[in-house]
Amino acid sequence: MKLSRIFQPRNPTFWIMVALNFLSMVLSHISQTFALNTFGFVVVISLAILNALASTFLAWRLVNS
């Protein structure tokens, strides 16, 4: 298993993983910058956790392909 296998620009899975990582950065910025109520904070953090899990799964698929 080599980590260099993650970088596969011709594979659409790679670009989905890149988009998810960018979305994770945006969600982190939103949770730190804006004063959210409890519901908003729970929604943003839940999306960030789901996003991180999906990105990790895609990275795992790329490494093992």
PDB file of N, CA and C in Angstrom:
ATOM      1  N   MET A   1       0.855  -1.170   0.000  1.00  0.00           N
ATOM      2  CA  MET A   1       0.000   0.000   0.000  1.00  0.00           C
ATOM      3  C   MET A   1       0.902   1.235   0.000  1.00  0.00           C
ATOM      4  N   LYS A   2       0.794   2.043  -1.042  1.00  0.00           N
ATOM      5  CA  LYS A   2       1.617   3.230  -1.168  1.00  0.00           C
ATOM      6  C   LYS A   2       0.735   4.471  -1.163  1.00  0.00           C
ATOM      7  N   LEU A   3       1.131   5.467  -0.380  1.00  0.00           N
ATOM      8  CA  LEU A   3       0.357   6.702  -0.326  1.00  0.00           C
ATOM      9  C   LEU A   3       0.445   7.489  -1.630  1.00  0.00           C
ATOM     10  N   SER A   4       1.460   7.241  -2.431  1.00  0.00           N
ATOM     11  CA  SER A   4       1.567   7.944  -3.706  1.00  0.00           C
ATOM     12  C   SER A   4       0.454   7.534  -4.670  1.00  0.00           C
ATOM     13  N   ARG A   5      -0.256   6.457  -4.373  1.00  0.00           N
ATOM     14  CA  ARG A   5      -1.373   6.019  -5.214  1.00  0.00           C
ATOM     15  C   ARG A   5      -2.586   6.927  -5.077  1.00  0.00           C
ATOM     16  N   ILE A   6      -2.604   7.802  -4.072  1.00  0.00           N
ATOM     17  CA  ILE A   6      -3.744   8.710  -3.911  1.00  0.00           C
ATOM     18  C   ILE A   6      -3.804   9.701  -5.073  1.00  0.00           C
ATOM     19  N   PHE A   7      -2.645  10.152  -5.549  1.00  0.00           N
ATOM     20  CA  PHE A   7      -2.612  11.144  -6.622  1.00  0.00           C
ATOM     21  C   PHE A   7      -2.839  10.452  -7.967  1.00  0.00           C
ATOM     22  N   GLN A   8      -4.098  10.498  -8.430  1.00  0.00           N
ATOM     23  CA  GLN A   8      -4.493   9.914  -9.708  1.00  0.00           C
ATOM     24  C   GLN A   8      -5.399  10.904 -10.442  1.00  0.00           C
ATOM     25  N   PRO A   9      -4.813  11.906 -11.110  1.00  0.00           N
ATOM     26  CA  PRO A   9      -5.636  12.958 -11.715  1.00  0.00           C
ATOM     27  C   PRO A   9      -6.591  12.478 -12.809  1.00  0.00           C
ATOM     28  N   ARG A  10      -6.366  11.319 -13.362  1.00  0.00           N
ATOM     29  CA  ARG A  10      -7.275  10.824 -14.407  1.00  0.00           C
ATOM     30  C   ARG A  10      -8.456  10.056 -13.837  1.00  0.00           C
ATOM     31  N   ASN A  11      -8.439   9.819 -12.551  1.00  0.00           N
ATOM     32  CA  ASN A  11      -9.496   9.071 -11.888  1.00  0.00           C
ATOM     33  C   ASN A  11     -10.506  10.065 -11.292  1.00  0.00           C
ATOM     34  N   PRO A  12     -11.792   9.949 -11.648  1.00  0.00           N
ATOM     35  CA  PRO A  12     -12.793  10.873 -11.085  1.00  0.00           C
ATOM     36  C   PRO A  12     -12.906  10.797  -9.563  1.00  0.00           C
ATOM     37  N   THR A  13     -12.588   9.650  -8.989  1.00  0.00           N
ATOM     38  CA  THR A  13     -12.632   9.502  -7.532  1.00  0.00           C
ATOM     39  C   THR A  13     -11.655  10.470  -6.862  1.00  0.00           C
ATOM     40  N   PHE A  14     -10.513  10.678  -7.488  1.00  0.00           N
ATOM     41  CA  PHE A  14      -9.526  11.617  -6.961  1.00  0.00           C
ATOM     42  C   PHE A  14     -10.107  13.022  -6.889  1.00  0.00           C
ATOM     43  N   TRP A  15     -10.794  13.452  -7.936  1.00  0.00           N
ATOM     44  CA  TRP A  15     -11.336  14.809  -7.966  1.00  0.00           C
ATOM     45  C   TRP A  15     -12.503  14.976  -7.001  1.00  0.00           C
ATOM     46  N   ILE A  16     -13.272  13.926  -6.795  1.00  0.00           N
ATOM     47  CA  ILE A  16     -14.334  13.983  -5.787  1.00  0.00           C
ATOM     48  C   ILE A  16     -13.712  14.133  -4.403  1.00  0.00           C
ATOM     49  N   MET A  17     -12.624  13.408  -4.153  1.00  0.00           N
ATOM     50  CA  MET A  17     -11.930  13.523  -2.872  1.00  0.00           C
ATOM     51  C   MET A  17     -11.371  14.930  -2.682  1.00  0.00           C
ATOM     52  N   VAL A  18     -10.825  15.526  -3.740  1.00  0.00           N
ATOM     53  CA  VAL A  18     -10.302  16.895  -3.654  1.00  0.00           C
ATOM     54  C   VAL A  18     -11.437  17.866  -3.338  1.00  0.00           C
ATOM     55  N   ALA A  19     -12.589  17.697  -3.996  1.00  0.00           N
ATOM     56  CA  ALA A  19     -13.735  18.570  -3.739  1.00  0.00           C
ATOM     57  C   ALA A  19     -14.229  18.417  -2.303  1.00  0.00           C
ATOM     58  N   LEU A  20     -14.248  17.198  -1.797  1.00  0.00           N
ATOM     59  CA  LEU A  20     -14.671  16.969  -0.414  1.00  0.00           C
ATOM     60  C   LEU A  20     -13.697  17.604   0.571  1.00  0.00           C
ATOM     61  N   ASN A  21     -12.407  17.547   0.269  1.00  0.00           N
ATOM     62  CA  ASN A  21     -11.428  18.188   1.145  1.00  0.00           C
ATOM     63  C   ASN A  21     -11.594  19.708   1.131  1.00  0.00           C
ATOM     64  N   PHE A  22     -11.906  20.273  -0.021  1.00  0.00           N
ATOM     65  CA  PHE A  22     -12.165  21.709  -0.093  1.00  0.00           C
ATOM     66  C   PHE A  22     -13.424  22.060   0.698  1.00  0.00           C
ATOM     67  N   LEU A  23     -14.464  21.244   0.570  1.00  0.00           N
ATOM     68  CA  LEU A  23     -15.693  21.471   1.327  1.00  0.00           C
ATOM     69  C   LEU A  23     -15.435  21.368   2.823  1.00  0.00           C
ATOM     70  N   SER A  24     -14.567  20.474   3.222  1.00  0.00           N
ATOM     71  CA  SER A  24     -14.203  20.351   4.636  1.00  0.00           C
ATOM     72  C   SER A  24     -13.547  21.635   5.136  1.00  0.00           C
ATOM     73  N   MET A  25     -12.697  22.217   4.307  1.00  0.00           N
ATOM     74  CA  MET A  25     -12.047  23.476   4.669  1.00  0.00           C
ATOM     75  C   MET A  25     -13.083  24.599   4.804  1.00  0.00           C
ATOM     76  N   VAL A  26     -14.062  24.639   3.913  1.00  0.00           N
ATOM     77  CA  VAL A  26     -15.116  25.652   3.974  1.00  0.00           C
ATOM     78  C   VAL A  26     -15.970  25.467   5.219  1.00  0.00           C
ATOM     79  N   LEU A  27     -16.332  24.233   5.532  1.00  0.00           N
ATOM     80  CA  LEU A  27     -17.146  23.972   6.727  1.00  0.00           C
ATOM     81  C   LEU A  27     -16.382  24.336   7.998  1.00  0.00           C
ATOM     82  N   SER A  28     -15.111  24.087   8.023  1.00  0.00           N
ATOM     83  CA  SER A  28     -14.295  24.465   9.173  1.00  0.00           C
ATOM     84  C   SER A  28     -14.255  25.982   9.322  1.00  0.00           C
ATOM     85  N   HIS A  29     -14.113  26.674   8.213  1.00  0.00           N
ATOM     86  CA  HIS A  29     -14.100  28.139   8.247  1.00  0.00           C
ATOM     87  C   HIS A  29     -15.438  28.686   8.752  1.00  0.00           C
ATOM     88  N   ILE A  30     -16.536  28.104   8.284  1.00  0.00           N
ATOM     89  CA  ILE A  30     -17.864  28.552   8.718  1.00  0.00           C
ATOM     90  C   ILE A  30     -18.042  28.335  10.217  1.00  0.00           C
ATOM     91  N   SER A  31     -17.617  27.173  10.715  1.00  0.00           N
ATOM     92  CA  SER A  31     -17.827  26.884  12.143  1.00  0.00           C
ATOM     93  C   SER A  31     -16.962  27.768  13.037  1.00  0.00           C
ATOM     94  N   GLN A  32     -15.826  28.251  12.529  1.00  0.00           N
ATOM     95  CA  GLN A  32     -14.952  29.086  13.348  1.00  0.00           C
ATOM     96  C   GLN A  32     -15.247  30.570  13.205  1.00  0.00           C
ATOM     97  N   THR A  33     -15.786  30.989  12.069  1.00  0.00           N
ATOM     98  CA  THR A  33     -15.966  32.408  11.791  1.00  0.00           C
ATOM     99  C   THR A  33     -17.319  32.943  12.248  1.00  0.00           C
ATOM    100  N   PHE A  34     -18.366  32.220  11.963  1.00  0.00           N
ATOM    101  CA  PHE A  34     -19.716  32.710  12.222  1.00  0.00           C
ATOM    102  C   PHE A  34     -20.224  32.257  13.585  1.00  0.00           C
ATOM    103  N   ALA A  35     -21.014  33.111  14.200  1.00  0.00           N
ATOM    104  CA  ALA A  35     -21.648  32.773  15.470  1.00  0.00           C
ATOM    105  C   ALA A  35     -22.948  32.033  15.159  1.00  0.00           C
ATOM    106  N   LEU A  36     -22.899  30.727  15.243  1.00  0.00           N
ATOM    107  CA  LEU A  36     -24.054  29.898  14.910  1.00  0.00           C
ATOM    108  C   LEU A  36     -24.811  29.526  16.175  1.00  0.00           C
ATOM    109  N   ASN A  37     -26.128  29.356  16.020  1.00  0.00           N
ATOM    110  CA  ASN A  37     -26.893  28.842  17.152  1.00  0.00           C
ATOM    111  C   ASN A  37     -26.612  27.341  17.260  1.00  0.00           C
ATOM    112  N   THR A  38     -27.202  26.698  18.231  1.00  0.00           N
ATOM    113  CA  THR A  38     -26.901  25.294  18.491  1.00  0.00           C
ATOM    114  C   THR A  38     -27.262  24.407  17.307  1.00  0.00           C
ATOM    115  N   PHE A  39     -28.417  24.641  16.717  1.00  0.00           N
ATOM    116  CA  PHE A  39     -28.838  23.826  15.578  1.00  0.00           C
ATOM    117  C   PHE A  39     -27.883  23.996  14.397  1.00  0.00           C
ATOM    118  N   GLY A  40     -27.520  25.219  14.084  1.00  0.00           N
ATOM    119  CA  GLY A  40     -26.595  25.475  12.984  1.00  0.00           C
ATOM    120  C   GLY A  40     -25.237  24.847  13.231  1.00  0.00           C
ATOM    121  N   PHE A  41     -24.761  24.949  14.464  1.00  0.00           N
ATOM    122  CA  PHE A  41     -23.473  24.362  14.810  1.00  0.00           C
ATOM    123  C   PHE A  41     -23.505  22.845  14.664  1.00  0.00           C
ATOM    124  N   VAL A  42     -24.589  22.211  15.110  1.00  0.00           N
ATOM    125  CA  VAL A  42     -24.722  20.759  14.996  1.00  0.00           C
ATOM    126  C   VAL A  42     -24.783  20.337  13.531  1.00  0.00           C
ATOM    127  N   VAL A  43     -25.493  21.097  12.709  1.00  0.00           N
ATOM    128  CA  VAL A  43     -25.594  20.772  11.285  1.00  0.00           C
ATOM    129  C   VAL A  43     -24.231  20.890  10.611  1.00  0.00           C
ATOM    130  N   VAL A  44     -23.520  21.974  10.860  1.00  0.00           N
ATOM    131  CA  VAL A  44     -22.224  22.190  10.213  1.00  0.00           C
ATOM    132  C   VAL A  44     -21.214  21.136  10.667  1.00  0.00           C
ATOM    133  N   ILE A  45     -21.174  20.838  11.946  1.00  0.00           N
ATOM    134  CA  ILE A  45     -20.235  19.835  12.448  1.00  0.00           C
ATOM    135  C   ILE A  45     -20.600  18.445  11.941  1.00  0.00           C
ATOM    136  N   SER A  46     -21.893  18.129  11.857  1.00  0.00           N
ATOM    137  CA  SER A  46     -22.311  16.830  11.324  1.00  0.00           C
ATOM    138  C   SER A  46     -21.895  16.678   9.864  1.00  0.00           C
ATOM    139  N   LEU A  47     -22.097  17.733   9.087  1.00  0.00           N
ATOM    140  CA  LEU A  47     -21.669  17.696   7.686  1.00  0.00           C
ATOM    141  C   LEU A  47     -20.152  17.554   7.574  1.00  0.00           C
ATOM    142  N   ALA A  48     -19.419  18.215   8.442  1.00  0.00           N
ATOM    143  CA  ALA A  48     -17.961  18.118   8.415  1.00  0.00           C
ATOM    144  C   ALA A  48     -17.495  16.701   8.749  1.00  0.00           C
ATOM    145  N   ILE A  49     -18.140  16.064   9.710  1.00  0.00           N
ATOM    146  CA  ILE A  49     -17.763  14.697  10.075  1.00  0.00           C
ATOM    147  C   ILE A  49     -18.108  13.720   8.956  1.00  0.00           C
ATOM    148  N   LEU A  50     -19.299  13.849   8.386  1.00  0.00           N
ATOM    149  CA  LEU A  50     -19.673  12.985   7.259  1.00  0.00           C
ATOM    150  C   LEU A  50     -18.746  13.204   6.068  1.00  0.00           C
ATOM    151  N   ASN A  51     -18.378  14.451   5.848  1.00  0.00           N
ATOM    152  CA  ASN A  51     -17.470  14.793   4.762  1.00  0.00           C
ATOM    153  C   ASN A  51     -16.101  14.152   4.983  1.00  0.00           C
ATOM    154  N   ALA A  52     -15.598  14.212   6.193  1.00  0.00           N
ATOM    155  CA  ALA A  52     -14.298  13.613   6.496  1.00  0.00           C
ATOM    156  C   ALA A  52     -14.344  12.096   6.330  1.00  0.00           C
ATOM    157  N   LEU A  53     -15.433  11.459   6.745  1.00  0.00           N
ATOM    158  CA  LEU A  53     -15.560  10.011   6.579  1.00  0.00           C
ATOM    159  C   LEU A  53     -15.618   9.619   5.108  1.00  0.00           C
ATOM    160  N   ALA A  54     -16.359  10.379   4.305  1.00  0.00           N
ATOM    161  CA  ALA A  54     -16.442  10.080   2.872  1.00  0.00           C
ATOM    162  C   ALA A  54     -15.095  10.287   2.193  1.00  0.00           C
ATOM    163  N   SER A  55     -14.396  11.334   2.561  1.00  0.00           N
ATOM    164  CA  SER A  55     -13.082  11.601   1.981  1.00  0.00           C
ATOM    165  C   SER A  55     -12.076  10.519   2.365  1.00  0.00           C
ATOM    166  N   THR A  56     -12.131  10.058   3.598  1.00  0.00           N
ATOM    167  CA  THR A  56     -11.250   8.987   4.045  1.00  0.00           C
ATOM    168  C   THR A  56     -11.540   7.693   3.292  1.00  0.00           C
ATOM    169  N   PHE A  57     -12.815   7.397   3.077  1.00  0.00           N
ATOM    170  CA  PHE A  57     -13.192   6.208   2.326  1.00  0.00           C
ATOM    171  C   PHE A  57     -12.681   6.280   0.888  1.00  0.00           C
ATOM    172  N   LEU A  58     -12.816   7.440   0.254  1.00  0.00           N
ATOM    173  CA  LEU A  58     -12.331   7.587  -1.125  1.00  0.00           C
ATOM    174  C   LEU A  58     -10.807   7.481  -1.187  1.00  0.00           C
ATOM    175  N   ALA A  59     -10.115   8.042  -0.219  1.00  0.00           N
ATOM    176  CA  ALA A  59      -8.653   7.917  -0.181  1.00  0.00           C
ATOM    177  C   ALA A  59      -8.263   6.455  -0.025  1.00  0.00           C
ATOM    178  N   TRP A  60      -8.960   5.730   0.799  1.00  0.00           N
ATOM    179  CA  TRP A  60      -8.694   4.303   0.986  1.00  0.00           C
ATOM    180  C   TRP A  60      -8.895   3.533  -0.305  1.00  0.00           C
ATOM    181  N   ARG A  61      -9.975   3.874  -1.040  1.00  0.00           N
ATOM    182  CA  ARG A  61     -10.220   3.211  -2.329  1.00  0.00           C
ATOM    183  C   ARG A  61      -9.131   3.519  -3.341  1.00  0.00           C
ATOM    184  N   LEU A  62      -8.636   4.763  -3.339  1.00  0.00           N
ATOM    185  CA  LEU A  62      -7.577   5.121  -4.276  1.00  0.00           C
ATOM    186  C   LEU A  62      -6.271   4.403  -3.944  1.00  0.00           C
ATOM    187  N   VAL A  63      -5.957   4.297  -2.678  1.00  0.00           N
ATOM    188  CA  VAL A  63      -4.710   3.633  -2.277  1.00  0.00           C
ATOM    189  C   VAL A  63      -4.761   2.143  -2.611  1.00  0.00           C
ATOM    190  N   ASN A  64      -5.901   1.540  -2.440  1.00  0.00           N
ATOM    191  CA  ASN A  64      -6.015   0.093  -2.665  1.00  0.00           C
ATOM    192  C   ASN A  64      -6.364  -0.284  -4.104  1.00  0.00           C
ATOM    193  N   SER A  65      -6.534   0.680  -4.990  1.00  0.00           N
ATOM    194  CA  SER A  65      -6.855   0.350  -6.384  1.00  0.00           C
ATOM    195  C   SER A  65      -5.622   0.049  -7.199  1.00  0.00           C
TER     196      SER A  65
END
